[in-house]
Amino acid sequence: MEDCLFCKIIKGEIPSTKVYEDEYVYAFKDIEPVAPIHILVVPKKHISSLNEIKEDDEVLIGKIHMAIVKIAKELGIDKDGYRVINNCGKNAGQTVLHLHFHLIAGVNMGEKLI
């Protein structure tokens, strides 16, 4: 999708603070963080939401989760813990129609929902 905000970020048309990149995944700092560490992890392939993944996206979804593990280790948050969130659809709070995962850490979230 040409006008997708995250597609433009991935292409470098909109600046971002990159945290991680490989062949399949791009990760960058959220511009409106809800915690000291708040990173958006997105596939380079445009997929509107979790509801839009296909069977042939299985490997890609695995690559996204492996990227999250790598990022957590690089940031040193793998020991204390972190939260991974995917908002799917308007009522869940998805505001950008490009599949993405929020990696959130740096604060004790306990029972707190974000």
N, C-alpha and C. Protein backbone atom coordinates (compact mmCIF):
# COMPACT_ATOMS: atom_id res chain seq x y z
N MET A 1 0.86 -1.19 0.00
CA MET A 1 0.00 0.00 0.00
C MET A 1 0.90 1.23 0.00
N GLU A 2 0.78 2.06 -1.00
CA GLU A 2 1.68 3.20 -1.20
C GLU A 2 1.59 4.26 -0.12
N ASP A 3 0.41 4.53 0.39
CA ASP A 3 0.24 5.62 1.34
C ASP A 3 0.40 5.20 2.79
N CYS A 4 0.74 3.96 3.03
CA CYS A 4 0.86 3.45 4.38
C CYS A 4 2.02 4.13 5.11
N LEU A 5 1.76 4.65 6.29
CA LEU A 5 2.78 5.33 7.10
C LEU A 5 3.98 4.43 7.35
N PHE A 6 3.73 3.19 7.75
CA PHE A 6 4.86 2.31 8.07
C PHE A 6 5.62 1.90 6.81
N CYS A 7 4.95 1.74 5.69
CA CYS A 7 5.66 1.45 4.43
C CYS A 7 6.60 2.60 4.08
N LYS A 8 6.15 3.84 4.30
CA LYS A 8 7.00 5.00 4.04
C LYS A 8 8.19 5.04 4.99
N ILE A 9 7.97 4.66 6.24
CA ILE A 9 9.08 4.62 7.21
C ILE A 9 10.09 3.55 6.79
N ILE A 10 9.60 2.38 6.41
CA ILE A 10 10.47 1.29 5.98
C ILE A 10 11.32 1.71 4.78
N LYS A 11 10.71 2.45 3.84
CA LYS A 11 11.41 2.90 2.63
C LYS A 11 12.36 4.07 2.91
N GLY A 12 12.29 4.65 4.10
CA GLY A 12 13.13 5.79 4.44
C GLY A 12 12.56 7.12 4.00
N GLU A 13 11.30 7.13 3.57
CA GLU A 13 10.65 8.37 3.13
C GLU A 13 10.23 9.24 4.31
N ILE A 14 10.04 8.60 5.45
CA ILE A 14 9.72 9.30 6.70
C ILE A 14 10.78 8.88 7.70
N PRO A 15 11.40 9.83 8.40
CA PRO A 15 12.47 9.47 9.33
C PRO A 15 11.96 8.66 10.53
N SER A 16 12.83 7.80 11.02
CA SER A 16 12.53 7.02 12.22
C SER A 16 13.85 6.73 12.92
N THR A 17 13.75 6.34 14.18
CA THR A 17 14.93 5.93 14.92
C THR A 17 14.97 4.41 14.87
N LYS A 18 15.75 3.91 13.91
CA LYS A 18 15.83 2.47 13.69
C LYS A 18 16.54 1.78 14.84
N VAL A 19 15.96 0.65 15.25
CA VAL A 19 16.53 -0.17 16.31
C VAL A 19 17.05 -1.48 15.74
N TYR A 20 16.39 -1.96 14.68
CA TYR A 20 16.74 -3.27 14.11
C TYR A 20 16.23 -3.33 12.68
N GLU A 21 16.99 -4.03 11.84
CA GLU A 21 16.52 -4.27 10.48
C GLU A 21 17.17 -5.53 9.94
N ASP A 22 16.38 -6.33 9.25
CA ASP A 22 16.90 -7.46 8.50
C ASP A 22 16.10 -7.56 7.20
N GLU A 23 16.20 -8.64 6.52
CA GLU A 23 15.55 -8.82 5.22
C GLU A 23 14.02 -8.74 5.32
N TYR A 24 13.46 -9.13 6.48
CA TYR A 24 12.02 -9.27 6.63
C TYR A 24 11.37 -8.24 7.55
N VAL A 25 12.16 -7.68 8.47
CA VAL A 25 11.61 -6.91 9.59
C VAL A 25 12.32 -5.57 9.73
N TYR A 26 11.55 -4.56 10.12
CA TYR A 26 12.09 -3.25 10.46
C TYR A 26 11.53 -2.88 11.82
N ALA A 27 12.38 -2.41 12.73
CA ALA A 27 11.93 -2.01 14.06
C ALA A 27 12.45 -0.62 14.38
N PHE A 28 11.60 0.18 14.99
CA PHE A 28 11.96 1.56 15.29
C PHE A 28 11.25 2.04 16.55
N LYS A 29 11.79 3.10 17.15
CA LYS A 29 11.21 3.65 18.37
C LYS A 29 9.87 4.32 18.07
N ASP A 30 8.91 4.06 18.94
CA ASP A 30 7.60 4.70 18.83
C ASP A 30 7.75 6.19 19.15
N ILE A 31 7.10 7.05 18.39
CA ILE A 31 7.22 8.50 18.64
C ILE A 31 6.34 8.97 19.80
N GLU A 32 5.42 8.09 20.25
CA GLU A 32 4.60 8.40 21.42
C GLU A 32 4.69 7.23 22.40
N PRO A 33 5.87 7.05 23.01
CA PRO A 33 6.07 5.88 23.87
C PRO A 33 5.19 5.89 25.13
N VAL A 34 4.76 4.69 25.52
CA VAL A 34 3.98 4.53 26.75
C VAL A 34 4.84 4.01 27.89
N ALA A 35 6.12 3.75 27.59
CA ALA A 35 7.07 3.25 28.58
C ALA A 35 8.47 3.69 28.13
N PRO A 36 9.46 3.59 29.01
CA PRO A 36 10.82 4.00 28.62
C PRO A 36 11.33 3.31 27.36
N ILE A 37 10.96 2.05 27.16
CA ILE A 37 11.30 1.34 25.93
C ILE A 37 9.99 1.01 25.24
N HIS A 38 9.82 1.54 24.04
CA HIS A 38 8.61 1.27 23.25
C HIS A 38 9.03 1.25 21.79
N ILE A 39 9.09 0.05 21.25
CA ILE A 39 9.57 -0.15 19.89
C ILE A 39 8.47 -0.79 19.06
N LEU A 40 8.33 -0.34 17.84
CA LEU A 40 7.39 -0.94 16.90
C LEU A 40 8.16 -1.88 15.99
N VAL A 41 7.69 -3.10 15.89
CA VAL A 41 8.33 -4.13 15.08
C VAL A 41 7.35 -4.47 13.95
N VAL A 42 7.77 -4.22 12.71
CA VAL A 42 6.87 -4.36 11.57
C VAL A 42 7.49 -5.23 10.48
N PRO A 43 6.66 -6.00 9.78
CA PRO A 43 7.19 -6.72 8.62
C PRO A 43 7.40 -5.73 7.49
N LYS A 44 8.41 -5.98 6.67
CA LYS A 44 8.63 -5.12 5.50
C LYS A 44 7.54 -5.34 4.47
N LYS A 45 6.97 -6.53 4.45
CA LYS A 45 5.85 -6.82 3.56
C LYS A 45 4.61 -6.16 4.15
N HIS A 46 3.87 -5.45 3.32
CA HIS A 46 2.65 -4.82 3.82
C HIS A 46 1.55 -5.87 4.03
N ILE A 47 1.12 -5.94 5.29
CA ILE A 47 -0.03 -6.75 5.68
C ILE A 47 -0.84 -5.83 6.58
N SER A 48 -2.11 -5.66 6.29
CA SER A 48 -2.92 -4.67 7.02
C SER A 48 -3.08 -4.97 8.50
N SER A 49 -3.31 -6.23 8.83
CA SER A 49 -3.50 -6.59 10.24
C SER A 49 -3.28 -8.09 10.40
N LEU A 50 -3.31 -8.53 11.63
CA LEU A 50 -3.17 -9.96 11.92
C LEU A 50 -4.25 -10.76 11.20
N ASN A 51 -5.42 -10.16 11.02
CA ASN A 51 -6.51 -10.85 10.31
C ASN A 51 -6.19 -11.10 8.84
N GLU A 52 -5.22 -10.41 8.30
CA GLU A 52 -4.90 -10.51 6.88
C GLU A 52 -3.75 -11.46 6.57
N ILE A 53 -3.14 -12.07 7.60
CA ILE A 53 -2.03 -12.98 7.29
C ILE A 53 -2.56 -14.23 6.60
N LYS A 54 -1.72 -14.77 5.75
CA LYS A 54 -2.05 -15.97 4.98
C LYS A 54 -1.12 -17.09 5.44
N GLU A 55 -1.44 -18.30 5.01
CA GLU A 55 -0.61 -19.44 5.38
C GLU A 55 0.84 -19.25 4.96
N ASP A 56 1.05 -18.63 3.80
CA ASP A 56 2.43 -18.45 3.35
C ASP A 56 3.17 -17.33 4.10
N ASP A 57 2.50 -16.69 5.07
CA ASP A 57 3.13 -15.69 5.93
C ASP A 57 3.66 -16.31 7.23
N GLU A 58 3.50 -17.61 7.40
CA GLU A 58 3.93 -18.27 8.64
C GLU A 58 5.40 -18.00 8.95
N VAL A 59 6.25 -18.13 7.96
CA VAL A 59 7.68 -17.91 8.17
C VAL A 59 7.92 -16.46 8.56
N LEU A 60 7.25 -15.53 7.90
CA LEU A 60 7.41 -14.12 8.20
C LEU A 60 7.03 -13.82 9.64
N ILE A 61 5.93 -14.37 10.11
CA ILE A 61 5.50 -14.14 11.49
C ILE A 61 6.55 -14.67 12.47
N GLY A 62 7.12 -15.82 12.15
CA GLY A 62 8.22 -16.35 12.96
C GLY A 62 9.43 -15.43 12.96
N LYS A 63 9.75 -14.86 11.80
CA LYS A 63 10.89 -13.93 11.69
C LYS A 63 10.65 -12.69 12.54
N ILE A 64 9.41 -12.21 12.58
CA ILE A 64 9.08 -11.06 13.41
C ILE A 64 9.35 -11.38 14.88
N HIS A 65 8.89 -12.53 15.32
CA HIS A 65 9.07 -12.90 16.73
C HIS A 65 10.53 -13.16 17.07
N MET A 66 11.28 -13.72 16.13
CA MET A 66 12.72 -13.89 16.37
C MET A 66 13.41 -12.53 16.45
N ALA A 67 12.97 -11.58 15.64
CA ALA A 67 13.53 -10.22 15.71
C ALA A 67 13.24 -9.60 17.08
N ILE A 68 12.05 -9.82 17.59
CA ILE A 68 11.70 -9.29 18.92
C ILE A 68 12.63 -9.86 19.98
N VAL A 69 12.91 -11.16 19.91
CA VAL A 69 13.82 -11.80 20.87
C VAL A 69 15.22 -11.19 20.75
N LYS A 70 15.70 -10.99 19.52
CA LYS A 70 17.03 -10.39 19.30
C LYS A 70 17.09 -8.98 19.87
N ILE A 71 16.06 -8.19 19.60
CA ILE A 71 16.01 -6.81 20.09
C ILE A 71 16.02 -6.80 21.62
N ALA A 72 15.20 -7.66 22.22
CA ALA A 72 15.13 -7.73 23.69
C ALA A 72 16.51 -8.05 24.28
N LYS A 73 17.21 -8.99 23.67
CA LYS A 73 18.56 -9.33 24.16
C LYS A 73 19.53 -8.17 23.97
N GLU A 74 19.48 -7.52 22.80
CA GLU A 74 20.37 -6.39 22.53
C GLU A 74 20.14 -5.24 23.52
N LEU A 75 18.89 -5.04 23.90
CA LEU A 75 18.56 -3.96 24.83
C LEU A 75 18.71 -4.37 26.29
N GLY A 76 18.97 -5.66 26.52
CA GLY A 76 19.14 -6.15 27.88
C GLY A 76 17.86 -6.25 28.68
N ILE A 77 16.73 -6.35 27.99
CA ILE A 77 15.44 -6.44 28.70
C ILE A 77 14.91 -7.86 28.75
N ASP A 78 15.68 -8.79 28.20
CA ASP A 78 15.23 -10.18 28.15
C ASP A 78 15.17 -10.81 29.54
N LYS A 79 15.97 -10.33 30.46
CA LYS A 79 16.00 -10.91 31.81
C LYS A 79 14.87 -10.38 32.69
N ASP A 80 14.65 -9.06 32.66
CA ASP A 80 13.63 -8.46 33.53
C ASP A 80 12.22 -8.57 32.96
N GLY A 81 12.11 -8.73 31.65
CA GLY A 81 10.81 -8.91 31.04
C GLY A 81 10.37 -7.74 30.18
N TYR A 82 9.48 -8.07 29.29
CA TYR A 82 8.94 -7.10 28.36
C TYR A 82 7.56 -7.58 27.91
N ARG A 83 6.83 -6.70 27.30
CA ARG A 83 5.49 -7.02 26.81
C ARG A 83 5.46 -6.83 25.30
N VAL A 84 4.78 -7.75 24.62
CA VAL A 84 4.58 -7.65 23.17
C VAL A 84 3.08 -7.56 22.93
N ILE A 85 2.67 -6.51 22.22
CA ILE A 85 1.25 -6.26 21.99
C ILE A 85 0.99 -6.10 20.50
N ASN A 86 -0.11 -6.69 20.05
CA ASN A 86 -0.59 -6.47 18.69
C ASN A 86 -2.04 -6.03 18.78
N ASN A 87 -2.32 -4.86 18.30
CA ASN A 87 -3.70 -4.36 18.24
C ASN A 87 -4.26 -4.72 16.88
N CYS A 88 -5.37 -5.42 16.86
CA CYS A 88 -5.95 -5.89 15.60
C CYS A 88 -7.34 -5.29 15.43
N GLY A 89 -7.42 -4.26 14.59
CA GLY A 89 -8.70 -3.61 14.32
C GLY A 89 -8.93 -2.36 15.14
N LYS A 90 -9.88 -1.57 14.68
CA LYS A 90 -10.19 -0.27 15.27
C LYS A 90 -10.53 -0.35 16.75
N ASN A 91 -11.39 -1.29 17.13
CA ASN A 91 -11.81 -1.37 18.53
C ASN A 91 -10.70 -1.84 19.46
N ALA A 92 -9.65 -2.42 18.90
CA ALA A 92 -8.50 -2.82 19.71
C ALA A 92 -7.45 -1.71 19.78
N GLY A 93 -7.68 -0.64 19.03
CA GLY A 93 -6.76 0.49 19.05
C GLY A 93 -5.76 0.51 17.93
N GLN A 94 -5.94 -0.30 16.89
CA GLN A 94 -5.02 -0.27 15.75
C GLN A 94 -5.27 1.01 14.97
N THR A 95 -4.26 1.89 14.93
CA THR A 95 -4.42 3.17 14.24
C THR A 95 -3.68 3.21 12.91
N VAL A 96 -2.70 2.33 12.71
CA VAL A 96 -1.99 2.24 11.43
C VAL A 96 -2.29 0.86 10.85
N LEU A 97 -2.83 0.85 9.65
CA LEU A 97 -3.21 -0.41 9.03
C LEU A 97 -2.03 -1.08 8.34
N HIS A 98 -1.06 -1.44 9.16
CA HIS A 98 0.10 -2.23 8.76
C HIS A 98 0.41 -3.07 9.99
N LEU A 99 0.44 -4.38 9.83
CA LEU A 99 0.71 -5.27 10.94
C LEU A 99 1.94 -4.79 11.71
N HIS A 100 1.81 -4.67 13.03
CA HIS A 100 2.94 -4.26 13.85
C HIS A 100 2.75 -4.75 15.28
N PHE A 101 3.89 -4.90 15.92
CA PHE A 101 3.92 -5.37 17.30
C PHE A 101 4.63 -4.33 18.14
N HIS A 102 4.05 -4.02 19.29
CA HIS A 102 4.65 -3.09 20.24
C HIS A 102 5.51 -3.90 21.20
N LEU A 103 6.79 -3.56 21.31
CA LEU A 103 7.69 -4.16 22.28
C LEU A 103 7.88 -3.10 23.36
N ILE A 104 7.38 -3.41 24.56
CA ILE A 104 7.32 -2.41 25.63
C ILE A 104 8.05 -2.94 26.86
N ALA A 105 8.90 -2.09 27.44
CA ALA A 105 9.67 -2.50 28.63
C ALA A 105 10.22 -1.27 29.34
N GLY A 106 10.96 -1.54 30.40
CA GLY A 106 11.62 -0.47 31.13
C GLY A 106 10.84 0.04 32.32
N VAL A 107 9.71 -0.60 32.59
CA VAL A 107 8.90 -0.23 33.74
C VAL A 107 8.18 -1.49 34.20
N ASN A 108 7.95 -1.61 35.49
CA ASN A 108 7.22 -2.76 36.01
C ASN A 108 5.74 -2.57 35.68
N MET A 109 5.26 -3.37 34.76
CA MET A 109 3.86 -3.24 34.32
C MET A 109 2.93 -4.07 35.17
N GLY A 110 3.46 -5.06 35.87
CA GLY A 110 2.62 -5.88 36.74
C GLY A 110 1.31 -6.25 36.09
N GLU A 111 0.23 -5.83 36.67
CA GLU A 111 -1.11 -6.15 36.17
C GLU A 111 -1.62 -5.07 35.21
N LYS A 112 -0.85 -4.02 35.03
CA LYS A 112 -1.28 -2.88 34.22
C LYS A 112 -1.46 -3.28 32.76
N LEU A 113 -2.58 -2.93 32.18
CA LEU A 113 -2.82 -3.16 30.76
C LEU A 113 -2.45 -1.91 29.99
N ILE A 114 -1.78 -2.10 28.88
CA ILE A 114 -1.40 -0.95 28.05
C ILE A 114 -2.03 -1.11 26.70
